[in-house]
Amino acid sequence: MLDLSKALREKLNSAFTLFSAEVVAHQVASDLTEKLLLKMPGGDTVECVLMREPDRRTICISTQVGCAMGCVFCASGMLGLKRNLQREEILEQILRLDRLLDADERLTNIVVMGIGEPLQNLPVLLPVLDEVTDPKGLGLSPRRITISTVGLPAKIRELAAVGKPYNLAVSLHAPTDELRDELVPVNDKIGVYAILEATDEYFETSGRRVTFEYVLLGGLNDQPEHAHQLATLLKSRNAHVNLIPMNRVETLDFDEPSASRTAEFVSILEERGVAATVRKRKGADIDAACGQLRLKDAAIDGPTLDVV
């Protein structure tokens, strides 16, 4: 900044810190996915990820230190929920990842799918997204931002009332309350149909098709009957299913589905008129799935669930 005096530049250099967190780990995968483990001044750690595709550069950010949702197959919540991240802590993740891009690259998409339940920290998250979408900020279209949730109906309606066309992704993972209660313990206080009613309202208000995330757990929720049940739930809705084959976590006793079972699941959904895709695995060689690097850094043992 040569329009500032040398003395002022030296003073800024010695006294001003742009980022407050420490980069504890920076991993680069063979597919050029990059993951940062950031340690906040108080010692809390969170993860954020940069994913590269031929036509897009997507970052995934965290909103909480840990998670209270307790999904039994997810590494993010195995340390429990400690606190919400503050505005500057969320924004720092975005800006740090943006600075990893080369000169000929530009940020195209943000997914709020890292550690934590974003809708539980909505009052902090929304001002961050306002800055990101501001032409004087990063100038990113709201349509290129996806917010993930375990499915909190009241919060989904609160997000809809904001009036911004953000994409909504609901982590469903099961087509029945009985099975979802096992996989997503908070479901026993919510229920699948209450979630679907809220997502219907979100679509009506925002005009944005809702995505339903579905982690395929080998032998548990990946059977043909589950695909048919899921199709029955969604066939009359303008919805998209994003199937995610289980990303193996050492401390969790779950198996990846076979390629043939995954293909059969997709086929059943499509035959019954439900749009479905299988998420590409990114950064598998650097523990890129949510919470894995933080969990490894904390070196804890996690719970298991018997697969029948």
C-alpha atoms as a PDB file:
ATOM      1  CA  MET A   1       0.000   0.000   0.000  1.00  0.00           C
ATOM      2  CA  LEU A   2       2.403   2.612  -1.286  1.00  0.00           C
ATOM      3  CA  ASP A   3      -0.145   5.387  -0.839  1.00  0.00           C
ATOM      4  CA  LEU A   4       0.531   5.081   2.906  1.00  0.00           C
ATOM      5  CA  SER A   5       3.663   6.463   4.503  1.00  0.00           C
ATOM      6  CA  LYS A   6       6.495   4.032   5.218  1.00  0.00           C
ATOM      7  CA  ALA A   7       6.256   4.766   8.946  1.00  0.00           C
ATOM      8  CA  LEU A   8       2.540   3.934   8.998  1.00  0.00           C
ATOM      9  CA  ARG A   9       3.110   0.748   6.989  1.00  0.00           C
ATOM     10  CA  GLU A  10       5.783  -0.362   9.449  1.00  0.00           C
ATOM     11  CA  LYS A  11       3.491   0.389  12.371  1.00  0.00           C
ATOM     12  CA  LEU A  12       0.636  -1.580  10.800  1.00  0.00           C
ATOM     13  CA  ASN A  13       2.971  -4.462  10.045  1.00  0.00           C
ATOM     14  CA  SER A  14       4.069  -4.697  13.657  1.00  0.00           C
ATOM     15  CA  ALA A  15       0.787  -3.928  15.421  1.00  0.00           C
ATOM     16  CA  PHE A  16      -2.046  -5.177  13.198  1.00  0.00           C
ATOM     17  CA  THR A  17      -3.109  -8.790  12.727  1.00  0.00           C
ATOM     18  CA  LEU A  18      -5.476  -9.499   9.837  1.00  0.00           C
ATOM     19  CA  PHE A  19      -6.424 -13.000  10.986  1.00  0.00           C
ATOM     20  CA  SER A  20      -6.725 -14.024  14.626  1.00  0.00           C
ATOM     21  CA  ALA A  21      -6.736 -17.820  14.229  1.00  0.00           C
ATOM     22  CA  GLU A  22      -3.669 -20.026  13.897  1.00  0.00           C
ATOM     23  CA  VAL A  23      -3.427 -22.533  11.045  1.00  0.00           C
ATOM     24  CA  VAL A  24      -2.772 -25.774  12.940  1.00  0.00           C
ATOM     25  CA  ALA A  25      -2.860 -27.916   9.811  1.00  0.00           C
ATOM     26  CA  HIS A  26      -3.036 -27.247   6.076  1.00  0.00           C
ATOM     27  CA  GLN A  27      -3.529 -30.366   3.988  1.00  0.00           C
ATOM     28  CA  VAL A  28      -3.625 -30.653   0.199  1.00  0.00           C
ATOM     29  CA  ALA A  29      -5.164 -33.741  -1.402  1.00  0.00           C
ATOM     30  CA  SER A  30      -4.210 -35.391  -4.663  1.00  0.00           C
ATOM     31  CA  ASP A  31      -7.357 -33.881  -6.240  1.00  0.00           C
ATOM     32  CA  LEU A  32      -6.213 -30.408  -5.050  1.00  0.00           C
ATOM     33  CA  THR A  33      -8.806 -30.204  -2.297  1.00  0.00           C
ATOM     34  CA  GLU A  34      -7.349 -28.150   0.550  1.00  0.00           C
ATOM     35  CA  LYS A  35      -8.326 -28.333   4.194  1.00  0.00           C
ATOM     36  CA  LEU A  36      -7.467 -25.987   7.045  1.00  0.00           C
ATOM     37  CA  LEU A  37      -7.673 -26.725  10.751  1.00  0.00           C
ATOM     38  CA  LEU A  38      -7.876 -23.354  12.488  1.00  0.00           C
ATOM     39  CA  LYS A  39      -7.243 -22.754  16.185  1.00  0.00           C
ATOM     40  CA  MET A  40      -9.022 -19.747  17.640  1.00  0.00           C
ATOM     41  CA  PRO A  41      -7.322 -17.547  20.274  1.00  0.00           C
ATOM     42  CA  GLY A  42      -9.142 -19.423  23.049  1.00  0.00           C
ATOM     43  CA  GLY A  43      -7.906 -22.784  21.785  1.00  0.00           C
ATOM     44  CA  ASP A  44     -11.065 -23.991  19.989  1.00  0.00           C
ATOM     45  CA  THR A  45     -10.511 -25.613  16.595  1.00  0.00           C
ATOM     46  CA  VAL A  46     -12.678 -25.670  13.474  1.00  0.00           C
ATOM     47  CA  GLU A  47     -12.265 -26.911   9.926  1.00  0.00           C
ATOM     48  CA  CYS A  48     -12.882 -25.403   6.509  1.00  0.00           C
ATOM     49  CA  VAL A  49     -12.311 -26.825   3.035  1.00  0.00           C
ATOM     50  CA  LEU A  50     -11.612 -25.636  -0.517  1.00  0.00           C
ATOM     51  CA  MET A  51     -12.812 -27.995  -3.266  1.00  0.00           C
ATOM     52  CA  ARG A  52     -11.808 -27.647  -6.889  1.00  0.00           C
ATOM     53  CA  GLU A  53     -13.908 -28.759  -9.875  1.00  0.00           C
ATOM     54  CA  PRO A  54     -13.238 -27.940 -13.540  1.00  0.00           C
ATOM     55  CA  ASP A  55     -15.943 -25.247 -13.609  1.00  0.00           C
ATOM     56  CA  ARG A  56     -16.185 -24.168  -9.974  1.00  0.00           C
ATOM     57  CA  ARG A  57     -14.307 -23.439  -6.784  1.00  0.00           C
ATOM     58  CA  THR A  58     -16.383 -24.282  -3.719  1.00  0.00           C
ATOM     59  CA  ILE A  59     -15.581 -23.681  -0.069  1.00  0.00           C
ATOM     60  CA  CYS A  60     -17.168 -25.415   2.911  1.00  0.00           C
ATOM     61  CA  ILE A  61     -17.269 -23.532   6.213  1.00  0.00           C
ATOM     62  CA  SER A  62     -18.143 -24.267   9.850  1.00  0.00           C
ATOM     63  CA  THR A  63     -20.553 -22.321  12.064  1.00  0.00           C
ATOM     64  CA  GLN A  64     -20.045 -23.886  15.498  1.00  0.00           C
ATOM     65  CA  VAL A  65     -17.309 -25.421  17.615  1.00  0.00           C
ATOM     66  CA  GLY A  66     -18.672 -28.957  17.614  1.00  0.00           C
ATOM     67  CA  CYS A  67     -22.302 -29.912  17.102  1.00  0.00           C
ATOM     68  CA  ALA A  68     -25.237 -30.822  19.332  1.00  0.00           C
ATOM     69  CA  MET A  69     -27.248 -32.765  16.749  1.00  0.00           C
ATOM     70  CA  GLY A  70     -25.539 -36.061  17.567  1.00  0.00           C
ATOM     71  CA  CYS A  71     -25.775 -37.775  14.162  1.00  0.00           C
ATOM     72  CA  VAL A  72     -24.210 -41.126  15.019  1.00  0.00           C
ATOM     73  CA  PHE A  73     -22.166 -41.478  11.814  1.00  0.00           C
ATOM     74  CA  CYS A  74     -20.698 -37.959  11.819  1.00  0.00           C
ATOM     75  CA  ALA A  75     -17.319 -36.991  13.246  1.00  0.00           C
ATOM     76  CA  SER A  76     -18.360 -33.354  13.779  1.00  0.00           C
ATOM     77  CA  GLY A  77     -20.473 -33.979  16.865  1.00  0.00           C
ATOM     78  CA  MET A  78     -18.319 -36.537  18.642  1.00  0.00           C
ATOM     79  CA  LEU A  79     -16.817 -33.844  20.849  1.00  0.00           C
ATOM     80  CA  GLY A  80     -20.237 -32.339  21.554  1.00  0.00           C
ATOM     81  CA  LEU A  81     -21.138 -28.676  21.116  1.00  0.00           C
ATOM     82  CA  LYS A  82     -18.908 -26.128  22.794  1.00  0.00           C
ATOM     83  CA  ARG A  83     -20.167 -22.831  21.403  1.00  0.00           C
ATOM     84  CA  ASN A  84     -21.333 -20.856  18.388  1.00  0.00           C
ATOM     85  CA  LEU A  85     -18.691 -19.251  16.231  1.00  0.00           C
ATOM     86  CA  GLN A  86     -18.628 -15.462  16.144  1.00  0.00           C
ATOM     87  CA  ARG A  87     -19.109 -13.409  12.987  1.00  0.00           C
ATOM     88  CA  GLU A  88     -15.409 -12.734  12.467  1.00  0.00           C
ATOM     89  CA  GLU A  89     -14.543 -16.415  13.017  1.00  0.00           C
ATOM     90  CA  ILE A  90     -16.885 -17.512  10.235  1.00  0.00           C
ATOM     91  CA  LEU A  91     -15.748 -14.721   7.936  1.00  0.00           C
ATOM     92  CA  GLU A  92     -12.090 -15.574   8.528  1.00  0.00           C
ATOM     93  CA  GLN A  93     -12.653 -19.090   7.177  1.00  0.00           C
ATOM     94  CA  ILE A  94     -14.063 -17.660   3.958  1.00  0.00           C
ATOM     95  CA  LEU A  95     -11.273 -15.131   3.495  1.00  0.00           C
ATOM     96  CA  ARG A  96      -8.485 -17.595   4.300  1.00  0.00           C
ATOM     97  CA  LEU A  97      -9.822 -20.119   1.781  1.00  0.00           C
ATOM     98  CA  ASP A  98     -10.313 -17.395  -0.817  1.00  0.00           C
ATOM     99  CA  ARG A  99      -6.611 -16.525  -0.446  1.00  0.00           C
ATOM    100  CA  LEU A 100      -5.651 -20.107  -1.318  1.00  0.00           C
ATOM    101  CA  LEU A 101      -6.942 -19.580  -4.852  1.00  0.00           C
ATOM    102  CA  ASP A 102      -4.487 -18.885  -7.637  1.00  0.00           C
ATOM    103  CA  ALA A 103      -4.635 -15.651  -9.607  1.00  0.00           C
ATOM    104  CA  ASP A 104      -6.640 -17.304 -12.402  1.00  0.00           C
ATOM    105  CA  GLU A 105      -9.175 -18.818  -9.991  1.00  0.00           C
ATOM    106  CA  ARG A 106     -12.202 -17.262  -8.330  1.00  0.00           C
ATOM    107  CA  LEU A 107     -14.564 -18.392  -5.632  1.00  0.00           C
ATOM    108  CA  THR A 108     -17.848 -19.566  -7.173  1.00  0.00           C
ATOM    109  CA  ASN A 109     -19.780 -21.339  -4.409  1.00  0.00           C
ATOM    110  CA  ILE A 110     -20.080 -21.506  -0.626  1.00  0.00           C
ATOM    111  CA  VAL A 111     -21.597 -24.426   1.248  1.00  0.00           C
ATOM    112  CA  VAL A 112     -22.320 -23.953   4.934  1.00  0.00           C
ATOM    113  CA  MET A 113     -21.931 -27.658   5.670  1.00  0.00           C
ATOM    114  CA  GLY A 114     -18.902 -27.832   7.932  1.00  0.00           C
ATOM    115  CA  ILE A 115     -18.861 -28.428  11.664  1.00  0.00           C
ATOM    116  CA  GLY A 116     -22.052 -27.403  13.471  1.00  0.00           C
ATOM    117  CA  GLU A 117     -25.748 -26.852  12.757  1.00  0.00           C
ATOM    118  CA  PRO A 118     -25.869 -23.565  10.796  1.00  0.00           C
ATOM    119  CA  LEU A 119     -29.473 -22.731  11.629  1.00  0.00           C
ATOM    120  CA  GLN A 120     -28.654 -22.749  15.341  1.00  0.00           C
ATOM    121  CA  ASN A 121     -26.286 -19.863  14.688  1.00  0.00           C
ATOM    122  CA  LEU A 122     -28.452 -18.046  12.157  1.00  0.00           C
ATOM    123  CA  PRO A 123     -28.286 -14.548  13.768  1.00  0.00           C
ATOM    124  CA  VAL A 124     -24.503 -14.608  13.299  1.00  0.00           C
ATOM    125  CA  LEU A 125     -24.389 -16.441   9.969  1.00  0.00           C
ATOM    126  CA  LEU A 126     -26.799 -14.172   8.090  1.00  0.00           C
ATOM    127  CA  PRO A 127     -24.739 -10.956   8.514  1.00  0.00           C
ATOM    128  CA  VAL A 128     -21.682 -12.866   7.277  1.00  0.00           C
ATOM    129  CA  LEU A 129     -23.574 -13.932   4.150  1.00  0.00           C
ATOM    130  CA  ASP A 130     -24.751 -10.338   3.694  1.00  0.00           C
ATOM    131  CA  GLU A 131     -21.099  -9.284   3.513  1.00  0.00           C
ATOM    132  CA  VAL A 132     -20.233 -12.125   1.158  1.00  0.00           C
ATOM    133  CA  THR A 133     -23.052 -11.215  -1.250  1.00  0.00           C
ATOM    134  CA  ASP A 134     -22.515  -7.455  -1.035  1.00  0.00           C
ATOM    135  CA  PRO A 135     -21.027  -6.049  -4.275  1.00  0.00           C
ATOM    136  CA  LYS A 136     -18.482  -4.288  -2.058  1.00  0.00           C
ATOM    137  CA  GLY A 137     -17.663  -7.610  -0.409  1.00  0.00           C
ATOM    138  CA  LEU A 138     -17.118 -10.770  -2.450  1.00  0.00           C
ATOM    139  CA  GLY A 139     -20.107 -10.071  -4.683  1.00  0.00           C
ATOM    140  CA  LEU A 140     -21.278 -13.679  -4.652  1.00  0.00           C
ATOM    141  CA  SER A 141     -24.863 -14.424  -5.694  1.00  0.00           C
ATOM    142  CA  PRO A 142     -27.095 -15.827  -2.912  1.00  0.00           C
ATOM    143  CA  ARG A 143     -28.018 -18.559  -5.405  1.00  0.00           C
ATOM    144  CA  ARG A 144     -24.455 -19.828  -5.112  1.00  0.00           C
ATOM    145  CA  ILE A 145     -24.704 -20.275  -1.351  1.00  0.00           C
ATOM    146  CA  THR A 146     -26.089 -23.465   0.173  1.00  0.00           C
ATOM    147  CA  ILE A 147     -27.032 -23.750   3.848  1.00  0.00           C
ATOM    148  CA  SER A 148     -27.238 -27.227   5.316  1.00  0.00           C
ATOM    149  CA  THR A 149     -29.417 -28.250   8.255  1.00  0.00           C
ATOM    150  CA  VAL A 150     -30.356 -31.407  10.107  1.00  0.00           C
ATOM    151  CA  GLY A 151     -33.919 -30.197   9.716  1.00  0.00           C
ATOM    152  CA  LEU A 152     -35.149 -27.649  12.264  1.00  0.00           C
ATOM    153  CA  PRO A 153     -38.635 -26.614  11.046  1.00  0.00           C
ATOM    154  CA  ALA A 154     -38.916 -23.318  12.933  1.00  0.00           C
ATOM    155  CA  LYS A 155     -35.445 -22.255  11.817  1.00  0.00           C
ATOM    156  CA  ILE A 156     -36.160 -23.263   8.205  1.00  0.00           C
ATOM    157  CA  ARG A 157     -39.162 -20.947   8.270  1.00  0.00           C
ATOM    158  CA  GLU A 158     -37.027 -18.223   9.834  1.00  0.00           C
ATOM    159  CA  LEU A 159     -34.524 -18.576   6.995  1.00  0.00           C
ATOM    160  CA  ALA A 160     -37.307 -18.436   4.432  1.00  0.00           C
ATOM    161  CA  ALA A 161     -38.560 -15.183   5.957  1.00  0.00           C
ATOM    162  CA  VAL A 162     -35.199 -13.538   5.254  1.00  0.00           C
ATOM    163  CA  GLY A 163     -36.217 -13.409   1.606  1.00  0.00           C
ATOM    164  CA  LYS A 164     -32.855 -14.378   0.116  1.00  0.00           C
ATOM    165  CA  PRO A 165     -32.709 -17.194  -2.481  1.00  0.00           C
ATOM    166  CA  TYR A 166     -30.193 -19.298  -0.607  1.00  0.00           C
ATOM    167  CA  ASN A 167     -30.149 -22.985  -1.432  1.00  0.00           C
ATOM    168  CA  LEU A 168     -31.354 -25.227   1.390  1.00  0.00           C
ATOM    169  CA  ALA A 169     -29.940 -28.707   1.970  1.00  0.00           C
ATOM    170  CA  VAL A 170     -31.601 -30.950   4.552  1.00  0.00           C
ATOM    171  CA  SER A 171     -29.642 -33.850   6.022  1.00  0.00           C
ATOM    172  CA  LEU A 172     -32.412 -36.458   5.965  1.00  0.00           C
ATOM    173  CA  HIS A 173     -30.457 -39.764   5.949  1.00  0.00           C
ATOM    174  CA  ALA A 174     -33.528 -41.943   6.521  1.00  0.00           C
ATOM    175  CA  PRO A 175     -37.052 -42.205   5.063  1.00  0.00           C
ATOM    176  CA  THR A 176     -38.844 -43.156   8.285  1.00  0.00           C
ATOM    177  CA  ASP A 177     -38.926 -41.736  11.794  1.00  0.00           C
ATOM    178  CA  GLU A 178     -38.017 -45.107  13.267  1.00  0.00           C
ATOM    179  CA  LEU A 179     -34.732 -45.307  11.373  1.00  0.00           C
ATOM    180  CA  ARG A 180     -34.000 -41.583  11.552  1.00  0.00           C
ATOM    181  CA  ASP A 181     -34.393 -41.616  15.327  1.00  0.00           C
ATOM    182  CA  GLU A 182     -31.466 -44.083  15.397  1.00  0.00           C
ATOM    183  CA  LEU A 183     -29.242 -42.087  13.061  1.00  0.00           C
ATOM    184  CA  VAL A 184     -30.227 -38.527  13.999  1.00  0.00           C
ATOM    185  CA  PRO A 185     -31.268 -38.552  17.675  1.00  0.00           C
ATOM    186  CA  VAL A 186     -32.847 -35.076  17.629  1.00  0.00           C
ATOM    187  CA  ASN A 187     -35.416 -36.413  15.175  1.00  0.00           C
ATOM    188  CA  ASP A 188     -37.465 -37.878  18.024  1.00  0.00           C
ATOM    189  CA  LYS A 189     -38.430 -34.297  18.902  1.00  0.00           C
ATOM    190  CA  ILE A 190     -39.028 -33.227  15.280  1.00  0.00           C
ATOM    191  CA  GLY A 191     -40.238 -35.923  12.886  1.00  0.00           C
ATOM    192  CA  VAL A 192     -39.736 -36.384   9.153  1.00  0.00           C
ATOM    193  CA  TYR A 193     -43.141 -35.000   8.144  1.00  0.00           C
ATOM    194  CA  ALA A 194     -42.646 -31.802  10.145  1.00  0.00           C
ATOM    195  CA  ILE A 195     -39.387 -31.272   8.271  1.00  0.00           C
ATOM    196  CA  LEU A 196     -41.065 -31.878   4.897  1.00  0.00           C
ATOM    197  CA  GLU A 197     -43.820 -29.376   5.713  1.00  0.00           C
ATOM    198  CA  ALA A 198     -41.192 -26.740   6.505  1.00  0.00           C
ATOM    199  CA  THR A 199     -39.208 -27.459   3.329  1.00  0.00           C
ATOM    200  CA  ASP A 200     -42.418 -27.217   1.278  1.00  0.00           C
ATOM    201  CA  GLU A 201     -42.915 -23.741   2.699  1.00  0.00           C
ATOM    202  CA  TYR A 202     -39.294 -22.866   1.988  1.00  0.00           C
ATOM    203  CA  PHE A 203     -39.747 -23.811  -1.665  1.00  0.00           C
ATOM    204  CA  GLU A 204     -42.967 -21.825  -1.927  1.00  0.00           C
ATOM    205  CA  THR A 205     -41.354 -18.745  -0.362  1.00  0.00           C
ATOM    206  CA  SER A 206     -37.930 -18.820  -2.024  1.00  0.00           C
ATOM    207  CA  GLY A 207     -38.612 -20.646  -5.277  1.00  0.00           C
ATOM    208  CA  ARG A 208     -35.457 -22.694  -4.631  1.00  0.00           C
ATOM    209  CA  ARG A 209     -35.608 -26.456  -4.983  1.00  0.00           C
ATOM    210  CA  VAL A 210     -34.629 -28.170  -1.730  1.00  0.00           C
ATOM    211  CA  THR A 211     -31.852 -30.764  -1.692  1.00  0.00           C
ATOM    212  CA  PHE A 212     -32.101 -33.729   0.648  1.00  0.00           C
ATOM    213  CA  GLU A 213     -28.747 -35.097   1.739  1.00  0.00           C
ATOM    214  CA  TYR A 214     -28.704 -38.852   2.356  1.00  0.00           C
ATOM    215  CA  VAL A 215     -25.581 -40.567   3.687  1.00  0.00           C
ATOM    216  CA  LEU A 216     -25.602 -44.192   2.540  1.00  0.00           C
ATOM    217  CA  LEU A 217     -24.531 -46.512   5.354  1.00  0.00           C
ATOM    218  CA  GLY A 218     -23.772 -50.023   4.148  1.00  0.00           C
ATOM    219  CA  GLY A 219     -26.389 -52.493   5.377  1.00  0.00           C
ATOM    220  CA  LEU A 220     -28.278 -49.887   7.402  1.00  0.00           C
ATOM    221  CA  ASN A 221     -30.161 -47.354   5.271  1.00  0.00           C
ATOM    222  CA  ASP A 222     -29.126 -48.354   1.734  1.00  0.00           C
ATOM    223  CA  GLN A 223     -31.611 -51.154   1.024  1.00  0.00           C
ATOM    224  CA  PRO A 224     -34.080 -51.090  -1.919  1.00  0.00           C
ATOM    225  CA  GLU A 225     -36.974 -50.726   0.541  1.00  0.00           C
ATOM    226  CA  HIS A 226     -35.397 -47.525   1.864  1.00  0.00           C
ATOM    227  CA  ALA A 227     -35.101 -46.139  -1.658  1.00  0.00           C
ATOM    228  CA  HIS A 228     -38.782 -46.866  -2.306  1.00  0.00           C
ATOM    229  CA  GLN A 229     -39.799 -45.263   0.994  1.00  0.00           C
ATOM    230  CA  LEU A 230     -37.734 -42.182   0.189  1.00  0.00           C
ATOM    231  CA  ALA A 231     -39.261 -41.969  -3.283  1.00  0.00           C
ATOM    232  CA  THR A 232     -42.743 -42.106  -1.770  1.00  0.00           C
ATOM    233  CA  LEU A 233     -41.879 -39.142   0.464  1.00  0.00           C
ATOM    234  CA  LEU A 234     -40.411 -36.977  -2.280  1.00  0.00           C
ATOM    235  CA  LYS A 235     -42.019 -37.932  -5.602  1.00  0.00           C
ATOM    236  CA  SER A 236     -44.655 -35.185  -5.370  1.00  0.00           C
ATOM    237  CA  ARG A 237     -42.124 -32.549  -4.345  1.00  0.00           C
ATOM    238  CA  ASN A 238     -39.718 -30.417  -6.359  1.00  0.00           C
ATOM    239  CA  ALA A 239     -36.741 -31.951  -4.616  1.00  0.00           C
ATOM    240  CA  HIS A 240     -33.313 -33.362  -5.338  1.00  0.00           C
ATOM    241  CA  VAL A 241     -31.591 -36.181  -3.451  1.00  0.00           C
ATOM    242  CA  ASN A 242     -27.832 -35.975  -2.964  1.00  0.00           C
ATOM    243  CA  LEU A 243     -26.595 -39.439  -2.039  1.00  0.00           C
ATOM    244  CA  ILE A 244     -23.355 -39.539  -0.061  1.00  0.00           C
ATOM    245  CA  PRO A 245     -21.610 -42.898   0.298  1.00  0.00           C
ATOM    246  CA  MET A 246     -20.262 -43.126   3.847  1.00  0.00           C
ATOM    247  CA  ASN A 247     -16.837 -41.536   4.197  1.00  0.00           C
ATOM    248  CA  ARG A 248     -15.034 -43.914   6.511  1.00  0.00           C
ATOM    249  CA  VAL A 249     -14.178 -42.584  10.001  1.00  0.00           C
ATOM    250  CA  GLU A 250     -11.751 -44.754  11.932  1.00  0.00           C
ATOM    251  CA  THR A 251     -13.527 -44.396  15.280  1.00  0.00           C
ATOM    252  CA  LEU A 252     -17.023 -45.167  13.903  1.00  0.00           C
ATOM    253  CA  ASP A 253     -18.330 -48.639  13.146  1.00  0.00           C
ATOM    254  CA  PHE A 254     -20.017 -47.991   9.821  1.00  0.00           C
ATOM    255  CA  ASP A 255     -19.331 -49.402   6.370  1.00  0.00           C
ATOM    256  CA  GLU A 256     -19.427 -47.823   2.946  1.00  0.00           C
ATOM    257  CA  PRO A 257     -22.191 -49.108   0.658  1.00  0.00           C
ATOM    258  CA  SER A 258     -21.161 -51.197  -2.332  1.00  0.00           C
ATOM    259  CA  ALA A 259     -21.045 -49.489  -5.717  1.00  0.00           C
ATOM    260  CA  SER A 260     -23.807 -51.780  -6.986  1.00  0.00           C
ATOM    261  CA  ARG A 261     -26.079 -50.992  -4.038  1.00  0.00           C
ATOM    262  CA  THR A 262     -25.497 -47.248  -4.534  1.00  0.00           C
ATOM    263  CA  ALA A 263     -26.331 -47.567  -8.238  1.00  0.00           C
ATOM    264  CA  GLU A 264     -29.497 -49.536  -7.419  1.00  0.00           C
ATOM    265  CA  PHE A 265     -30.588 -46.870  -4.918  1.00  0.00           C
ATOM    266  CA  VAL A 266     -30.178 -44.143  -7.546  1.00  0.00           C
ATOM    267  CA  SER A 267     -32.012 -46.224 -10.149  1.00  0.00           C
ATOM    268  CA  ILE A 268     -35.030 -46.766  -7.895  1.00  0.00           C
ATOM    269  CA  LEU A 269     -35.331 -43.061  -7.118  1.00  0.00           C
ATOM    270  CA  GLU A 270     -35.035 -42.030 -10.751  1.00  0.00           C
ATOM    271  CA  GLU A 271     -37.492 -44.680 -11.940  1.00  0.00           C
ATOM    272  CA  ARG A 272     -40.014 -43.241  -9.494  1.00  0.00           C
ATOM    273  CA  GLY A 273     -39.454 -39.678 -10.666  1.00  0.00           C
ATOM    274  CA  VAL A 274     -37.086 -38.364  -7.985  1.00  0.00           C
ATOM    275  CA  ALA A 275     -33.961 -36.566  -9.179  1.00  0.00           C
ATOM    276  CA  ALA A 276     -30.832 -38.008  -7.574  1.00  0.00           C
ATOM    277  CA  THR A 277     -27.063 -37.741  -7.845  1.00  0.00           C
ATOM    278  CA  VAL A 278     -24.143 -39.323  -6.013  1.00  0.00           C
ATOM    279  CA  ARG A 279     -21.758 -36.853  -4.440  1.00  0.00           C
ATOM    280  CA  LYS A 280     -18.195 -37.140  -5.656  1.00  0.00           C
ATOM    281  CA  ARG A 281     -15.717 -37.918  -2.931  1.00  0.00           C
ATOM    282  CA  LYS A 282     -13.302 -35.038  -2.483  1.00  0.00           C
ATOM    283  CA  GLY A 283     -10.116 -35.010  -0.426  1.00  0.00           C
ATOM    284  CA  ALA A 284     -10.416 -38.589   0.830  1.00  0.00           C
ATOM    285  CA  ASP A 285      -6.662 -38.756   1.437  1.00  0.00           C
ATOM    286  CA  ILE A 286      -6.672 -35.728   3.772  1.00  0.00           C
ATOM    287  CA  ASP A 287      -9.644 -36.500   6.064  1.00  0.00           C
ATOM    288  CA  ALA A 288     -11.733 -33.908   4.238  1.00  0.00           C
ATOM    289  CA  ALA A 289     -15.092 -35.057   5.605  1.00  0.00           C
ATOM    290  CA  CYS A 290     -16.560 -32.787   8.282  1.00  0.00           C
ATOM    291  CA  GLY A 291     -14.867 -33.111  11.656  1.00  0.00           C
ATOM    292  CA  GLN A 292     -12.320 -35.796  10.762  1.00  0.00           C
ATOM    293  CA  LEU A 293      -9.208 -33.656  11.034  1.00  0.00           C
ATOM    294  CA  ARG A 294     -10.428 -31.951  14.214  1.00  0.00           C
ATOM    295  CA  LEU A 295     -11.272 -35.345  15.687  1.00  0.00           C
ATOM    296  CA  LYS A 296      -7.857 -36.737  14.819  1.00  0.00           C
ATOM    297  CA  ASP A 297      -6.240 -33.663  16.361  1.00  0.00           C
ATOM    298  CA  ALA A 298      -8.188 -34.241  19.582  1.00  0.00           C
ATOM    299  CA  ALA A 299      -7.387 -37.995  19.490  1.00  0.00           C
ATOM    300  CA  ILE A 300     -10.616 -39.250  21.021  1.00  0.00           C
ATOM    301  CA  ASP A 301     -12.590 -42.472  20.675  1.00  0.00           C
ATOM    302  CA  GLY A 302     -16.157 -42.248  19.415  1.00  0.00           C
ATOM    303  CA  PRO A 303     -19.401 -44.216  19.792  1.00  0.00           C
ATOM    304  CA  THR A 304     -20.540 -47.018  17.557  1.00  0.00           C
ATOM    305  CA  LEU A 305     -23.919 -48.260  16.376  1.00  0.00           C
ATOM    306  CA  ASP A 306     -24.565 -51.902  15.650  1.00  0.00           C
ATOM    307  CA  VAL A 307     -25.523 -52.459  12.007  1.00  0.00           C
ATOM    308  CA  VAL A 308     -28.078 -55.232  11.645  1.00  0.00           C
END
